[in-house]
Full PDB file with SEQRES, HELIX, SHEET, SSBOND, CRYST1, ORIGX, SCALE, CONECT and MASTER records, all heavy atoms in Angstrom:
SEQRES   1 A   32  PHE GLY ALA GLY THR PHE TRP GLY TRP ASN VAL LEU GLY          
SEQRES   2 A   32  GLU LEU ILE ILE VAL GLY PRO PHE ILE TYR CYS HIS LYS          
SEQRES   3 A   32  LEU LEU THR ALA MET ASN                                      
HELIX    1 AA1 ALA A    3  THR A    5  1                                   3    
HELIX    2 AA2 PHE A    6  VAL A   11  3                                   6    
HELIX    3 AA3 LEU A   12  ILE A   16  5                                   5    
HELIX    4 AA4 GLY A   19  MET A   31  1                                  13    
CRYST1    1.000    1.000    1.000  90.00  90.00  90.00 P 1           1          
ORIGX1      1.000000  0.000000  0.000000        0.00000                         
ORIGX2      0.000000  1.000000  0.000000        0.00000                         
ORIGX3      0.000000  0.000000  1.000000        0.00000                         
SCALE1      1.000000  0.000000  0.000000        0.00000                         
SCALE2      0.000000  1.000000  0.000000        0.00000                         
SCALE3      0.000000  0.000000  1.000000        0.00000                         
ATOM      1  N   PHE A   1     107.372 -25.832 140.552  1.00  0.00           N  
ATOM      2  CA  PHE A   1     107.114 -27.155 140.195  1.00  0.00           C  
ATOM      3  C   PHE A   1     107.268 -28.135 141.390  1.00  0.00           C  
ATOM      4  O   PHE A   1     108.127 -27.792 142.226  1.00  0.00           O  
ATOM      5  CB  PHE A   1     108.124 -27.640 139.076  1.00  0.00           C  
ATOM      6  CG  PHE A   1     107.806 -28.955 138.596  1.00  0.00           C  
ATOM      7  CD1 PHE A   1     106.895 -29.123 137.521  1.00  0.00           C  
ATOM      8  CD2 PHE A   1     108.489 -30.117 139.000  1.00  0.00           C  
ATOM      9  CE1 PHE A   1     106.602 -30.411 136.975  1.00  0.00           C  
ATOM     10  CE2 PHE A   1     108.282 -31.316 138.507  1.00  0.00           C  
ATOM     11  CZ  PHE A   1     107.334 -31.471 137.435  1.00  0.00           C  
ATOM     12  N   GLY A   2     106.494 -29.066 141.500  1.00  0.00           N  
ATOM     13  CA  GLY A   2     106.620 -30.051 142.683  1.00  0.00           C  
ATOM     14  C   GLY A   2     105.588 -31.147 142.609  1.00  0.00           C  
ATOM     15  O   GLY A   2     104.960 -31.377 141.627  1.00  0.00           O  
ATOM     16  N   ALA A   3     105.392 -31.780 143.784  1.00  0.00           N  
ATOM     17  CA  ALA A   3     104.469 -32.870 143.867  1.00  0.00           C  
ATOM     18  C   ALA A   3     103.092 -32.361 143.660  1.00  0.00           C  
ATOM     19  O   ALA A   3     102.174 -33.077 143.035  1.00  0.00           O  
ATOM     20  CB  ALA A   3     104.597 -33.501 145.150  1.00  0.00           C  
ATOM     21  N   GLY A   4     102.715 -31.196 144.103  1.00  0.00           N  
ATOM     22  CA  GLY A   4     101.349 -30.662 143.807  1.00  0.00           C  
ATOM     23  C   GLY A   4     101.093 -30.439 142.340  1.00  0.00           C  
ATOM     24  O   GLY A   4     100.019 -30.569 141.869  1.00  0.00           O  
ATOM     25  N   THR A   5     102.145 -30.114 141.567  1.00  0.00           N  
ATOM     26  CA  THR A   5     102.027 -30.035 140.175  1.00  0.00           C  
ATOM     27  C   THR A   5     101.633 -31.403 139.554  1.00  0.00           C  
ATOM     28  O   THR A   5     100.775 -31.473 138.673  1.00  0.00           O  
ATOM     29  CB  THR A   5     103.331 -29.555 139.609  1.00  0.00           C  
ATOM     30  OG1 THR A   5     103.819 -28.323 140.163  1.00  0.00           O  
ATOM     31  CG2 THR A   5     103.055 -29.266 137.962  1.00  0.00           C  
ATOM     32  N   PHE A   6     102.274 -32.468 140.077  1.00  0.00           N  
ATOM     33  CA  PHE A   6     101.905 -33.748 139.568  1.00  0.00           C  
ATOM     34  C   PHE A   6     100.484 -34.122 139.854  1.00  0.00           C  
ATOM     35  O   PHE A   6      99.896 -34.588 138.999  1.00  0.00           O  
ATOM     36  CB  PHE A   6     102.914 -34.746 140.251  1.00  0.00           C  
ATOM     37  CG  PHE A   6     102.419 -36.182 140.008  1.00  0.00           C  
ATOM     38  CD1 PHE A   6     102.738 -36.797 138.714  1.00  0.00           C  
ATOM     39  CD2 PHE A   6     101.870 -36.935 140.949  1.00  0.00           C  
ATOM     40  CE1 PHE A   6     102.364 -38.124 138.564  1.00  0.00           C  
ATOM     41  CE2 PHE A   6     101.466 -38.294 140.696  1.00  0.00           C  
ATOM     42  CZ  PHE A   6     101.666 -38.919 139.518  1.00  0.00           C  
ATOM     43  N   TRP A   7     100.056 -33.925 141.165  1.00  0.00           N  
ATOM     44  CA  TRP A   7      98.746 -34.334 141.475  1.00  0.00           C  
ATOM     45  C   TRP A   7      97.598 -33.505 140.884  1.00  0.00           C  
ATOM     46  O   TRP A   7      96.612 -33.918 140.504  1.00  0.00           O  
ATOM     47  CB  TRP A   7      98.531 -34.397 143.031  1.00  0.00           C  
ATOM     48  CG  TRP A   7      99.324 -35.491 143.600  1.00  0.00           C  
ATOM     49  CD1 TRP A   7     100.507 -35.438 144.244  1.00  0.00           C  
ATOM     50  CD2 TRP A   7      99.097 -36.900 143.573  1.00  0.00           C  
ATOM     51  NE1 TRP A   7     100.963 -36.652 144.624  1.00  0.00           N  
ATOM     52  CE2 TRP A   7     100.047 -37.564 144.287  1.00  0.00           C  
ATOM     53  CE3 TRP A   7      97.981 -37.668 143.039  1.00  0.00           C  
ATOM     54  CZ2 TRP A   7     100.035 -39.035 144.342  1.00  0.00           C  
ATOM     55  CZ3 TRP A   7      98.001 -39.006 143.106  1.00  0.00           C  
ATOM     56  CH2 TRP A   7      99.033 -39.648 143.748  1.00  0.00           C  
ATOM     57  N   GLY A   8      98.014 -32.151 140.776  1.00  0.00           N  
ATOM     58  CA  GLY A   8      96.967 -31.225 140.194  1.00  0.00           C  
ATOM     59  C   GLY A   8      96.793 -31.326 138.633  1.00  0.00           C  
ATOM     60  O   GLY A   8      95.681 -31.482 138.190  1.00  0.00           O  
ATOM     61  N   TRP A   9      97.869 -31.271 137.992  1.00  0.00           N  
ATOM     62  CA  TRP A   9      97.814 -31.359 136.581  1.00  0.00           C  
ATOM     63  C   TRP A   9      97.773 -32.702 135.927  1.00  0.00           C  
ATOM     64  O   TRP A   9      96.986 -33.039 135.032  1.00  0.00           O  
ATOM     65  CB  TRP A   9      98.935 -30.580 135.863  1.00  0.00           C  
ATOM     66  CG  TRP A   9      98.758 -29.023 136.038  1.00  0.00           C  
ATOM     67  CD1 TRP A   9      99.521 -28.215 136.708  1.00  0.00           C  
ATOM     68  CD2 TRP A   9      97.794 -28.270 135.424  1.00  0.00           C  
ATOM     69  NE1 TRP A   9      99.096 -26.854 136.668  1.00  0.00           N  
ATOM     70  CE2 TRP A   9      98.022 -26.952 135.798  1.00  0.00           C  
ATOM     71  CE3 TRP A   9      96.689 -28.566 134.624  1.00  0.00           C  
ATOM     72  CZ2 TRP A   9      97.159 -25.892 135.468  1.00  0.00           C  
ATOM     73  CZ3 TRP A   9      95.883 -27.480 134.178  1.00  0.00           C  
ATOM     74  CH2 TRP A   9      96.185 -26.215 134.563  1.00  0.00           C  
ATOM     75  N   ASN A  10      98.631 -33.666 136.413  1.00  0.00           N  
ATOM     76  CA  ASN A  10      98.638 -34.936 135.785  1.00  0.00           C  
ATOM     77  C   ASN A  10      97.552 -35.864 136.255  1.00  0.00           C  
ATOM     78  O   ASN A  10      96.999 -36.544 135.439  1.00  0.00           O  
ATOM     79  CB  ASN A  10     100.028 -35.602 136.085  1.00  0.00           C  
ATOM     80  CG  ASN A  10     100.420 -36.820 135.183  1.00  0.00           C  
ATOM     81  OD1 ASN A  10     100.132 -36.631 133.991  1.00  0.00           O  
ATOM     82  ND2 ASN A  10     100.829 -37.846 135.729  1.00  0.00           N  
ATOM     83  N   VAL A  11      97.184 -35.875 137.418  1.00  0.00           N  
ATOM     84  CA  VAL A  11      96.226 -36.733 137.930  1.00  0.00           C  
ATOM     85  C   VAL A  11      94.804 -36.190 137.903  1.00  0.00           C  
ATOM     86  O   VAL A  11      93.988 -36.642 137.182  1.00  0.00           O  
ATOM     87  CB  VAL A  11      96.544 -37.256 139.424  1.00  0.00           C  
ATOM     88  CG1 VAL A  11      95.536 -38.141 139.976  1.00  0.00           C  
ATOM     89  CG2 VAL A  11      97.870 -38.018 139.499  1.00  0.00           C  
ATOM     90  N   LEU A  12      94.579 -35.074 138.546  1.00  0.00           N  
ATOM     91  CA  LEU A  12      93.296 -34.440 138.464  1.00  0.00           C  
ATOM     92  C   LEU A  12      92.975 -33.825 137.095  1.00  0.00           C  
ATOM     93  O   LEU A  12      91.829 -33.697 136.742  1.00  0.00           O  
ATOM     94  CB  LEU A  12      93.137 -33.367 139.662  1.00  0.00           C  
ATOM     95  CG  LEU A  12      93.107 -34.037 141.112  1.00  0.00           C  
ATOM     96  CD1 LEU A  12      93.015 -32.858 142.071  1.00  0.00           C  
ATOM     97  CD2 LEU A  12      91.912 -35.008 141.230  1.00  0.00           C  
ATOM     98  N   GLY A  13      94.020 -33.414 136.493  1.00  0.00           N  
ATOM     99  CA  GLY A  13      93.967 -32.735 135.221  1.00  0.00           C  
ATOM    100  C   GLY A  13      93.460 -33.573 134.105  1.00  0.00           C  
ATOM    101  O   GLY A  13      92.987 -33.140 133.062  1.00  0.00           O  
ATOM    102  N   GLU A  14      93.371 -34.930 134.287  1.00  0.00           N  
ATOM    103  CA  GLU A  14      92.832 -35.862 133.380  1.00  0.00           C  
ATOM    104  C   GLU A  14      91.320 -35.574 133.159  1.00  0.00           C  
ATOM    105  O   GLU A  14      90.813 -35.893 132.093  1.00  0.00           O  
ATOM    106  CB  GLU A  14      93.085 -37.285 133.785  1.00  0.00           C  
ATOM    107  CG  GLU A  14      94.496 -37.732 133.636  1.00  0.00           C  
ATOM    108  CD  GLU A  14      94.681 -39.079 134.181  1.00  0.00           C  
ATOM    109  OE1 GLU A  14      93.760 -39.831 134.803  1.00  0.00           O  
ATOM    110  OE2 GLU A  14      95.811 -39.649 134.047  1.00  0.00           O  
ATOM    111  N   LEU A  15      90.742 -34.908 134.133  1.00  0.00           N  
ATOM    112  CA  LEU A  15      89.306 -34.594 134.046  1.00  0.00           C  
ATOM    113  C   LEU A  15      89.030 -33.651 132.936  1.00  0.00           C  
ATOM    114  O   LEU A  15      87.916 -33.599 132.404  1.00  0.00           O  
ATOM    115  CB  LEU A  15      88.752 -34.149 135.348  1.00  0.00           C  
ATOM    116  CG  LEU A  15      88.820 -35.241 136.519  1.00  0.00           C  
ATOM    117  CD1 LEU A  15      88.341 -34.543 137.789  1.00  0.00           C  
ATOM    118  CD2 LEU A  15      87.878 -36.352 136.176  1.00  0.00           C  
ATOM    119  N   ILE A  16      89.957 -32.691 132.701  1.00  0.00           N  
ATOM    120  CA  ILE A  16      89.875 -31.688 131.650  1.00  0.00           C  
ATOM    121  C   ILE A  16      90.640 -32.039 130.420  1.00  0.00           C  
ATOM    122  O   ILE A  16      90.902 -31.209 129.614  1.00  0.00           O  
ATOM    123  CB  ILE A  16      90.149 -30.318 132.212  1.00  0.00           C  
ATOM    124  CG1 ILE A  16      91.642 -30.236 132.649  1.00  0.00           C  
ATOM    125  CG2 ILE A  16      89.261 -29.830 133.302  1.00  0.00           C  
ATOM    126  CD1 ILE A  16      92.165 -28.886 132.941  1.00  0.00           C  
ATOM    127  N   ILE A  17      91.154 -33.271 130.317  1.00  0.00           N  
ATOM    128  CA  ILE A  17      91.857 -33.782 129.320  1.00  0.00           C  
ATOM    129  C   ILE A  17      93.261 -33.214 128.922  1.00  0.00           C  
ATOM    130  O   ILE A  17      94.176 -33.921 128.749  1.00  0.00           O  
ATOM    131  CB  ILE A  17      91.075 -33.787 127.877  1.00  0.00           C  
ATOM    132  CG1 ILE A  17      89.773 -34.656 128.153  1.00  0.00           C  
ATOM    133  CG2 ILE A  17      91.726 -34.345 126.806  1.00  0.00           C  
ATOM    134  CD1 ILE A  17      88.704 -34.589 127.064  1.00  0.00           C  
ATOM    135  N   VAL A  18      93.395 -31.920 128.982  1.00  0.00           N  
ATOM    136  CA  VAL A  18      94.668 -31.343 128.742  1.00  0.00           C  
ATOM    137  C   VAL A  18      95.670 -31.264 129.934  1.00  0.00           C  
ATOM    138  O   VAL A  18      96.816 -30.880 129.813  1.00  0.00           O  
ATOM    139  CB  VAL A  18      94.486 -29.875 128.183  1.00  0.00           C  
ATOM    140  CG1 VAL A  18      93.730 -29.913 126.852  1.00  0.00           C  
ATOM    141  CG2 VAL A  18      93.894 -28.957 129.178  1.00  0.00           C  
ATOM    142  N   GLY A  19      95.141 -31.695 131.091  1.00  0.00           N  
ATOM    143  CA  GLY A  19      96.038 -31.536 132.241  1.00  0.00           C  
ATOM    144  C   GLY A  19      97.389 -32.286 132.215  1.00  0.00           C  
ATOM    145  O   GLY A  19      98.386 -31.762 132.500  1.00  0.00           O  
ATOM    146  N   PRO A  20      97.382 -33.580 131.751  1.00  0.00           N  
ATOM    147  CA  PRO A  20      98.582 -34.291 131.610  1.00  0.00           C  
ATOM    148  C   PRO A  20      99.527 -33.544 130.589  1.00  0.00           C  
ATOM    149  O   PRO A  20     100.781 -33.678 130.797  1.00  0.00           O  
ATOM    150  CB  PRO A  20      98.178 -35.662 131.153  1.00  0.00           C  
ATOM    151  CG  PRO A  20      96.857 -35.809 131.734  1.00  0.00           C  
ATOM    152  CD  PRO A  20      96.142 -34.470 131.575  1.00  0.00           C  
ATOM    153  N   PHE A  21      99.119 -32.916 129.666  1.00  0.00           N  
ATOM    154  CA  PHE A  21      99.927 -32.362 128.643  1.00  0.00           C  
ATOM    155  C   PHE A  21     100.606 -31.034 129.319  1.00  0.00           C  
ATOM    156  O   PHE A  21     101.809 -30.773 129.080  1.00  0.00           O  
ATOM    157  CB  PHE A  21      99.145 -31.870 127.437  1.00  0.00           C  
ATOM    158  CG  PHE A  21      98.664 -32.969 126.595  1.00  0.00           C  
ATOM    159  CD1 PHE A  21      97.348 -33.254 126.539  1.00  0.00           C  
ATOM    160  CD2 PHE A  21      99.497 -33.791 125.855  1.00  0.00           C  
ATOM    161  CE1 PHE A  21      96.855 -34.313 125.903  1.00  0.00           C  
ATOM    162  CE2 PHE A  21      99.149 -34.849 125.157  1.00  0.00           C  
ATOM    163  CZ  PHE A  21      97.750 -35.201 125.203  1.00  0.00           C  
ATOM    164  N   ILE A  22      99.825 -30.300 130.159  1.00  0.00           N  
ATOM    165  CA  ILE A  22     100.372 -29.192 130.868  1.00  0.00           C  
ATOM    166  C   ILE A  22     101.473 -29.651 131.904  1.00  0.00           C  
ATOM    167  O   ILE A  22     102.488 -29.104 132.039  1.00  0.00           O  
ATOM    168  CB  ILE A  22      99.239 -28.422 131.626  1.00  0.00           C  
ATOM    169  CG1 ILE A  22      98.270 -27.746 130.515  1.00  0.00           C  
ATOM    170  CG2 ILE A  22      99.808 -27.316 132.587  1.00  0.00           C  
ATOM    171  CD1 ILE A  22      97.070 -27.226 131.099  1.00  0.00           C  
ATOM    172  N   TYR A  23     101.096 -30.780 132.510  1.00  0.00           N  
ATOM    173  CA  TYR A  23     102.189 -31.392 133.500  1.00  0.00           C  
ATOM    174  C   TYR A  23     103.419 -31.668 132.740  1.00  0.00           C  
ATOM    175  O   TYR A  23     104.528 -31.401 133.209  1.00  0.00           O  
ATOM    176  CB  TYR A  23     101.506 -32.558 134.213  1.00  0.00           C  
ATOM    177  CG  TYR A  23     102.701 -33.330 134.929  1.00  0.00           C  
ATOM    178  CD1 TYR A  23     103.238 -32.754 136.134  1.00  0.00           C  
ATOM    179  CD2 TYR A  23     103.268 -34.516 134.519  1.00  0.00           C  
ATOM    180  CE1 TYR A  23     104.260 -33.350 136.769  1.00  0.00           C  
ATOM    181  CE2 TYR A  23     104.285 -35.102 135.110  1.00  0.00           C  
ATOM    182  CZ  TYR A  23     104.681 -34.618 136.303  1.00  0.00           C  
ATOM    183  OH  TYR A  23     105.649 -35.211 136.966  1.00  0.00           O  
ATOM    184  N   CYS A  24     103.260 -32.430 131.656  1.00  0.00           N  
ATOM    185  CA  CYS A  24     104.414 -32.783 130.848  1.00  0.00           C  
ATOM    186  C   CYS A  24     105.262 -31.579 130.385  1.00  0.00           C  
ATOM    187  O   CYS A  24     106.455 -31.615 130.455  1.00  0.00           O  
ATOM    188  CB  CYS A  24     103.896 -33.578 129.630  1.00  0.00           C  
ATOM    189  SG  CYS A  24     105.274 -34.347 128.635  1.00  0.00           S  
ATOM    190  N   HIS A  25     104.604 -30.499 129.958  1.00  0.00           N  
ATOM    191  CA  HIS A  25     105.308 -29.323 129.557  1.00  0.00           C  
ATOM    192  C   HIS A  25     106.052 -28.704 130.756  1.00  0.00           C  
ATOM    193  O   HIS A  25     107.184 -28.326 130.625  1.00  0.00           O  
ATOM    194  CB  HIS A  25     104.301 -28.281 129.039  1.00  0.00           C  
ATOM    195  CG  HIS A  25     104.789 -26.860 128.811  1.00  0.00           C  
ATOM    196  ND1 HIS A  25     105.835 -26.614 127.825  1.00  0.00           N  
ATOM    197  CD2 HIS A  25     104.650 -25.762 129.554  1.00  0.00           C  
ATOM    198  CE1 HIS A  25     106.114 -25.374 127.915  1.00  0.00           C  
ATOM    199  NE2 HIS A  25     105.460 -24.778 128.994  1.00  0.00           N  
ATOM    200  N   LYS A  26     105.371 -28.675 131.953  1.00  0.00           N  
ATOM    201  CA  LYS A  26     106.060 -28.142 133.117  1.00  0.00           C  
ATOM    202  C   LYS A  26     107.276 -29.038 133.525  1.00  0.00           C  
ATOM    203  O   LYS A  26     108.274 -28.544 133.906  1.00  0.00           O  
ATOM    204  CB  LYS A  26     105.060 -27.961 134.290  1.00  0.00           C  
ATOM    205  CG  LYS A  26     104.069 -26.851 133.981  1.00  0.00           C  
ATOM    206  CD  LYS A  26     103.040 -26.758 135.106  1.00  0.00           C  
ATOM    207  CE  LYS A  26     103.571 -26.013 136.238  1.00  0.00           C  
ATOM    208  NZ  LYS A  26     103.895 -24.647 136.076  1.00  0.00           N  
ATOM    209  N   LEU A  27     107.073 -30.401 133.377  1.00  0.00           N  
ATOM    210  CA  LEU A  27     108.142 -31.298 133.780  1.00  0.00           C  
ATOM    211  C   LEU A  27     109.328 -31.109 132.812  1.00  0.00           C  
ATOM    212  O   LEU A  27     110.476 -30.980 133.301  1.00  0.00           O  
ATOM    213  CB  LEU A  27     107.623 -32.694 133.648  1.00  0.00           C  
ATOM    214  CG  LEU A  27     108.769 -33.756 133.835  1.00  0.00           C  
ATOM    215  CD1 LEU A  27     109.341 -33.852 135.209  1.00  0.00           C  
ATOM    216  CD2 LEU A  27     108.106 -35.158 133.482  1.00  0.00           C  
ATOM    217  N   LEU A  28     109.076 -30.996 131.469  1.00  0.00           N  
ATOM    218  CA  LEU A  28     110.170 -30.830 130.553  1.00  0.00           C  
ATOM    219  C   LEU A  28     110.814 -29.463 130.782  1.00  0.00           C  
ATOM    220  O   LEU A  28     112.097 -29.343 130.645  1.00  0.00           O  
ATOM    221  CB  LEU A  28     109.632 -30.984 129.075  1.00  0.00           C  
ATOM    222  CG  LEU A  28     109.114 -32.300 128.738  1.00  0.00           C  
ATOM    223  CD1 LEU A  28     108.434 -32.292 127.361  1.00  0.00           C  
ATOM    224  CD2 LEU A  28     110.168 -33.366 128.771  1.00  0.00           C  
ATOM    225  N   THR A  29     110.078 -28.418 130.992  1.00  0.00           N  
ATOM    226  CA  THR A  29     110.658 -27.097 131.244  1.00  0.00           C  
ATOM    227  C   THR A  29     111.586 -27.136 132.465  1.00  0.00           C  
ATOM    228  O   THR A  29     112.618 -26.579 132.563  1.00  0.00           O  
ATOM    229  CB  THR A  29     109.577 -25.976 131.381  1.00  0.00           C  
ATOM    230  OG1 THR A  29     108.710 -26.074 130.177  1.00  0.00           O  
ATOM    231  CG2 THR A  29     110.156 -24.672 131.612  1.00  0.00           C  
ATOM    232  N   ALA A  30     111.033 -27.791 133.533  1.00  0.00           N  
ATOM    233  CA  ALA A  30     111.803 -27.816 134.844  1.00  0.00           C  
ATOM    234  C   ALA A  30     113.149 -28.500 134.547  1.00  0.00           C  
ATOM    235  O   ALA A  30     114.227 -28.171 135.086  1.00  0.00           O  
ATOM    236  CB  ALA A  30     111.013 -28.488 135.902  1.00  0.00           C  
ATOM    237  N   MET A  31     113.068 -29.634 133.879  1.00  0.00           N  
ATOM    238  CA  MET A  31     114.346 -30.422 133.597  1.00  0.00           C  
ATOM    239  C   MET A  31     115.233 -29.629 132.690  1.00  0.00           C  
ATOM    240  O   MET A  31     116.409 -29.723 132.817  1.00  0.00           O  
ATOM    241  CB  MET A  31     113.970 -31.784 133.072  1.00  0.00           C  
ATOM    242  CG  MET A  31     113.464 -32.711 134.060  1.00  0.00           C  
ATOM    243  SD  MET A  31     114.523 -32.965 135.460  1.00  0.00           S  
ATOM    244  CE  MET A  31     116.103 -33.507 134.715  1.00  0.00           C  
ATOM    245  N   ASN A  32     114.715 -28.906 131.725  1.00  0.00           N  
ATOM    246  CA  ASN A  32     115.562 -28.031 130.902  1.00  0.00           C  
ATOM    247  C   ASN A  32     116.278 -26.965 131.713  1.00  0.00           C  
ATOM    248  O   ASN A  32     117.543 -26.660 131.583  1.00  0.00           O  
ATOM    249  CB  ASN A  32     114.814 -27.383 129.845  1.00  0.00           C  
ATOM    250  CG  ASN A  32     114.447 -28.298 128.630  1.00  0.00           C  
ATOM    251  OD1 ASN A  32     115.056 -29.267 128.531  1.00  0.00           O  
ATOM    252  ND2 ASN A  32     113.425 -27.896 127.915  1.00  0.00           N  
TER     253      ASN A  32                                                      
MASTER        0    0    0    4    0    0    0    6  252    1    0    3          
END                                                                             
């Protein structure tokens, strides 16, 4: 997990619609 996860899944992932959900899952898992 890192800044690349943010830019890849949250920002660019918006193009495939589910990207921000994947980022959110990874963020919540990392914080857990």
